[in-house]
Amino acid sequence: MIRLTRSDLSRNMHRFYAMQLSPTLFGEWALVAEWGRIGSPGKVMRQAFQTEELAQTALEKRIRAKTRRGYLP
């Protein structure tokens, strides 16, 4: 699981973004992402892909997007 956080005290912002890849029951792969305020349950999104390589590419793209917005490991 990859967990990124972003905190900005001046804006009272304390967020997390967690992602992982997991196989589905139907032979596909899912990118599971959870995000929200640190300390809260957050929201969950699952996105299915035909192959593990496609899911890995989507995961890497999401990591790049979040680090550009200020999230840190």
N, C-alpha and C. Protein backbone atom coordinates (compact mmCIF):
# COMPACT_ATOMS: atom_id res chain seq x y z
N MET A 1 0.85 -1.18 0.00
CA MET A 1 0.00 0.00 0.00
C MET A 1 0.89 1.23 0.00
N ILE A 2 0.52 2.18 -0.81
CA ILE A 2 1.23 3.45 -0.89
C ILE A 2 0.38 4.49 -0.19
N ARG A 3 0.97 5.20 0.78
CA ARG A 3 0.23 6.20 1.54
C ARG A 3 0.94 7.54 1.41
N LEU A 4 0.22 8.54 0.94
CA LEU A 4 0.73 9.89 0.79
C LEU A 4 -0.04 10.82 1.72
N THR A 5 0.63 11.84 2.23
CA THR A 5 -0.05 12.81 3.09
C THR A 5 0.29 14.22 2.64
N ARG A 6 -0.59 15.14 2.98
CA ARG A 6 -0.37 16.56 2.69
C ARG A 6 -0.90 17.36 3.87
N SER A 7 -0.03 18.18 4.46
CA SER A 7 -0.43 19.01 5.59
C SER A 7 -0.01 20.45 5.33
N ASP A 8 -0.92 21.36 5.61
CA ASP A 8 -0.66 22.79 5.50
C ASP A 8 -1.35 23.45 6.68
N LEU A 9 -0.56 23.81 7.70
CA LEU A 9 -1.13 24.36 8.93
C LEU A 9 -1.85 25.67 8.70
N SER A 10 -1.37 26.50 7.77
CA SER A 10 -2.00 27.80 7.54
C SER A 10 -3.40 27.64 6.95
N ARG A 11 -3.65 26.54 6.24
CA ARG A 11 -4.97 26.29 5.65
C ARG A 11 -5.77 25.23 6.41
N ASN A 12 -5.21 24.75 7.54
CA ASN A 12 -5.85 23.70 8.34
C ASN A 12 -6.13 22.47 7.47
N MET A 13 -5.16 22.12 6.64
CA MET A 13 -5.30 21.00 5.71
C MET A 13 -4.44 19.83 6.18
N HIS A 14 -5.07 18.70 6.43
CA HIS A 14 -4.38 17.48 6.84
C HIS A 14 -5.04 16.33 6.10
N ARG A 15 -4.50 15.98 4.93
CA ARG A 15 -5.15 14.99 4.07
C ARG A 15 -4.24 13.78 3.85
N PHE A 16 -4.88 12.68 3.49
CA PHE A 16 -4.15 11.47 3.11
C PHE A 16 -4.69 10.93 1.80
N TYR A 17 -3.88 10.15 1.12
CA TYR A 17 -4.28 9.48 -0.11
C TYR A 17 -3.56 8.14 -0.11
N ALA A 18 -4.29 7.04 -0.06
CA ALA A 18 -3.72 5.70 -0.03
C ALA A 18 -4.16 4.93 -1.26
N MET A 19 -3.23 4.16 -1.85
CA MET A 19 -3.52 3.41 -3.07
C MET A 19 -2.89 2.03 -3.00
N GLN A 20 -3.56 1.07 -3.64
CA GLN A 20 -2.99 -0.27 -3.77
C GLN A 20 -3.61 -0.98 -4.96
N LEU A 21 -2.90 -1.98 -5.46
CA LEU A 21 -3.41 -2.83 -6.53
C LEU A 21 -3.83 -4.16 -5.92
N SER A 22 -4.94 -4.71 -6.41
CA SER A 22 -5.38 -6.01 -5.91
C SER A 22 -6.08 -6.77 -7.04
N PRO A 23 -5.91 -8.09 -7.05
CA PRO A 23 -6.60 -8.88 -8.07
C PRO A 23 -8.09 -9.00 -7.74
N THR A 24 -8.91 -9.12 -8.78
CA THR A 24 -10.34 -9.29 -8.57
C THR A 24 -10.69 -10.76 -8.73
N LEU A 25 -11.92 -11.11 -8.43
CA LEU A 25 -12.37 -12.49 -8.57
C LEU A 25 -12.51 -12.92 -10.03
N PHE A 26 -12.53 -11.97 -10.94
CA PHE A 26 -12.77 -12.27 -12.34
C PHE A 26 -11.51 -12.20 -13.19
N GLY A 27 -10.33 -12.24 -12.57
CA GLY A 27 -9.07 -12.24 -13.31
C GLY A 27 -8.57 -10.88 -13.72
N GLU A 28 -9.23 -9.84 -13.30
CA GLU A 28 -8.79 -8.47 -13.59
C GLU A 28 -7.97 -7.95 -12.42
N TRP A 29 -7.53 -6.73 -12.54
CA TRP A 29 -6.82 -6.04 -11.46
C TRP A 29 -7.55 -4.76 -11.12
N ALA A 30 -7.54 -4.41 -9.85
CA ALA A 30 -8.24 -3.20 -9.41
C ALA A 30 -7.25 -2.25 -8.74
N LEU A 31 -7.39 -0.99 -9.06
CA LEU A 31 -6.68 0.08 -8.36
C LEU A 31 -7.65 0.59 -7.31
N VAL A 32 -7.29 0.41 -6.04
CA VAL A 32 -8.14 0.83 -4.93
C VAL A 32 -7.52 2.07 -4.32
N ALA A 33 -8.26 3.16 -4.30
CA ALA A 33 -7.76 4.43 -3.76
C ALA A 33 -8.69 4.89 -2.63
N GLU A 34 -8.10 5.36 -1.55
CA GLU A 34 -8.85 5.92 -0.43
C GLU A 34 -8.25 7.28 -0.11
N TRP A 35 -9.11 8.28 0.12
CA TRP A 35 -8.62 9.62 0.41
C TRP A 35 -9.56 10.32 1.38
N GLY A 36 -9.01 11.32 2.06
CA GLY A 36 -9.81 12.11 2.98
C GLY A 36 -8.94 12.84 3.98
N ARG A 37 -9.59 13.33 5.03
CA ARG A 37 -8.88 14.03 6.09
C ARG A 37 -8.23 13.02 7.03
N ILE A 38 -7.01 13.29 7.45
CA ILE A 38 -6.32 12.39 8.37
C ILE A 38 -7.15 12.26 9.65
N GLY A 39 -7.39 11.03 10.05
CA GLY A 39 -8.20 10.77 11.24
C GLY A 39 -9.63 10.40 10.92
N SER A 40 -10.05 10.57 9.67
CA SER A 40 -11.41 10.21 9.26
C SER A 40 -11.34 8.98 8.35
N PRO A 41 -12.46 8.28 8.19
CA PRO A 41 -12.44 7.07 7.36
C PRO A 41 -12.13 7.34 5.89
N GLY A 42 -12.54 8.43 5.32
CA GLY A 42 -12.25 8.74 3.93
C GLY A 42 -13.21 8.09 2.95
N LYS A 43 -12.97 8.35 1.69
CA LYS A 43 -13.79 7.79 0.61
C LYS A 43 -12.95 6.77 -0.14
N VAL A 44 -13.63 5.77 -0.72
CA VAL A 44 -12.93 4.70 -1.42
C VAL A 44 -13.43 4.61 -2.86
N MET A 45 -12.49 4.41 -3.79
CA MET A 45 -12.83 4.22 -5.20
C MET A 45 -12.07 3.01 -5.71
N ARG A 46 -12.76 2.16 -6.46
CA ARG A 46 -12.12 1.01 -7.10
C ARG A 46 -12.27 1.15 -8.61
N GLN A 47 -11.17 0.95 -9.32
CA GLN A 47 -11.19 1.03 -10.78
C GLN A 47 -10.57 -0.25 -11.33
N ALA A 48 -11.30 -0.99 -12.17
CA ALA A 48 -10.84 -2.27 -12.70
C ALA A 48 -10.08 -2.09 -14.01
N PHE A 49 -9.07 -2.96 -14.20
CA PHE A 49 -8.26 -2.98 -15.40
C PHE A 49 -8.12 -4.41 -15.89
N GLN A 50 -7.94 -4.59 -17.19
CA GLN A 50 -7.84 -5.92 -17.78
C GLN A 50 -6.55 -6.65 -17.39
N THR A 51 -5.44 -5.88 -17.28
CA THR A 51 -4.15 -6.51 -16.97
C THR A 51 -3.49 -5.79 -15.80
N GLU A 52 -2.53 -6.48 -15.20
CA GLU A 52 -1.79 -5.88 -14.09
C GLU A 52 -0.94 -4.71 -14.58
N GLU A 53 -0.44 -4.80 -15.80
CA GLU A 53 0.39 -3.72 -16.35
C GLU A 53 -0.40 -2.42 -16.51
N LEU A 54 -1.63 -2.53 -16.98
CA LEU A 54 -2.48 -1.34 -17.11
C LEU A 54 -2.79 -0.73 -15.74
N ALA A 55 -3.03 -1.59 -14.77
CA ALA A 55 -3.31 -1.11 -13.41
C ALA A 55 -2.07 -0.43 -12.82
N GLN A 56 -0.88 -1.02 -13.05
CA GLN A 56 0.36 -0.44 -12.55
C GLN A 56 0.62 0.92 -13.18
N THR A 57 0.34 1.05 -14.47
CA THR A 57 0.50 2.33 -15.16
C THR A 57 -0.43 3.39 -14.57
N ALA A 58 -1.67 3.01 -14.29
CA ALA A 58 -2.62 3.95 -13.69
C ALA A 58 -2.18 4.35 -12.29
N LEU A 59 -1.64 3.41 -11.53
CA LEU A 59 -1.14 3.71 -10.18
C LEU A 59 0.00 4.71 -10.24
N GLU A 60 0.95 4.48 -11.14
CA GLU A 60 2.09 5.39 -11.27
C GLU A 60 1.64 6.78 -11.70
N LYS A 61 0.67 6.85 -12.59
CA LYS A 61 0.14 8.14 -13.05
C LYS A 61 -0.52 8.88 -11.89
N ARG A 62 -1.28 8.16 -11.06
CA ARG A 62 -1.95 8.77 -9.91
C ARG A 62 -0.93 9.28 -8.89
N ILE A 63 0.15 8.51 -8.68
CA ILE A 63 1.20 8.93 -7.74
C ILE A 63 1.85 10.22 -8.23
N ARG A 64 2.18 10.28 -9.52
CA ARG A 64 2.79 11.51 -10.08
C ARG A 64 1.87 12.71 -9.91
N ALA A 65 0.57 12.52 -10.16
CA ALA A 65 -0.39 13.62 -10.04
C ALA A 65 -0.47 14.12 -8.59
N LYS A 66 -0.49 13.21 -7.65
CA LYS A 66 -0.61 13.62 -6.25
C LYS A 66 0.67 14.26 -5.73
N THR A 67 1.83 13.77 -6.15
CA THR A 67 3.07 14.40 -5.68
C THR A 67 3.23 15.80 -6.28
N ARG A 68 2.72 16.02 -7.50
CA ARG A 68 2.73 17.36 -8.07
C ARG A 68 1.86 18.32 -7.28
N ARG A 69 0.82 17.79 -6.62
CA ARG A 69 -0.07 18.64 -5.83
C ARG A 69 0.39 18.82 -4.40
N GLY A 70 1.57 18.26 -4.04
CA GLY A 70 2.12 18.50 -2.72
C GLY A 70 2.04 17.33 -1.75
N TYR A 71 1.54 16.19 -2.17
CA TYR A 71 1.49 15.02 -1.29
C TYR A 71 2.87 14.41 -1.17
N LEU A 72 3.20 13.94 0.02
CA LEU A 72 4.51 13.35 0.30
C LEU A 72 4.34 11.96 0.90
N PRO A 73 5.32 11.05 0.64
CA PRO A 73 5.23 9.71 1.26
C PRO A 73 5.40 9.76 2.76
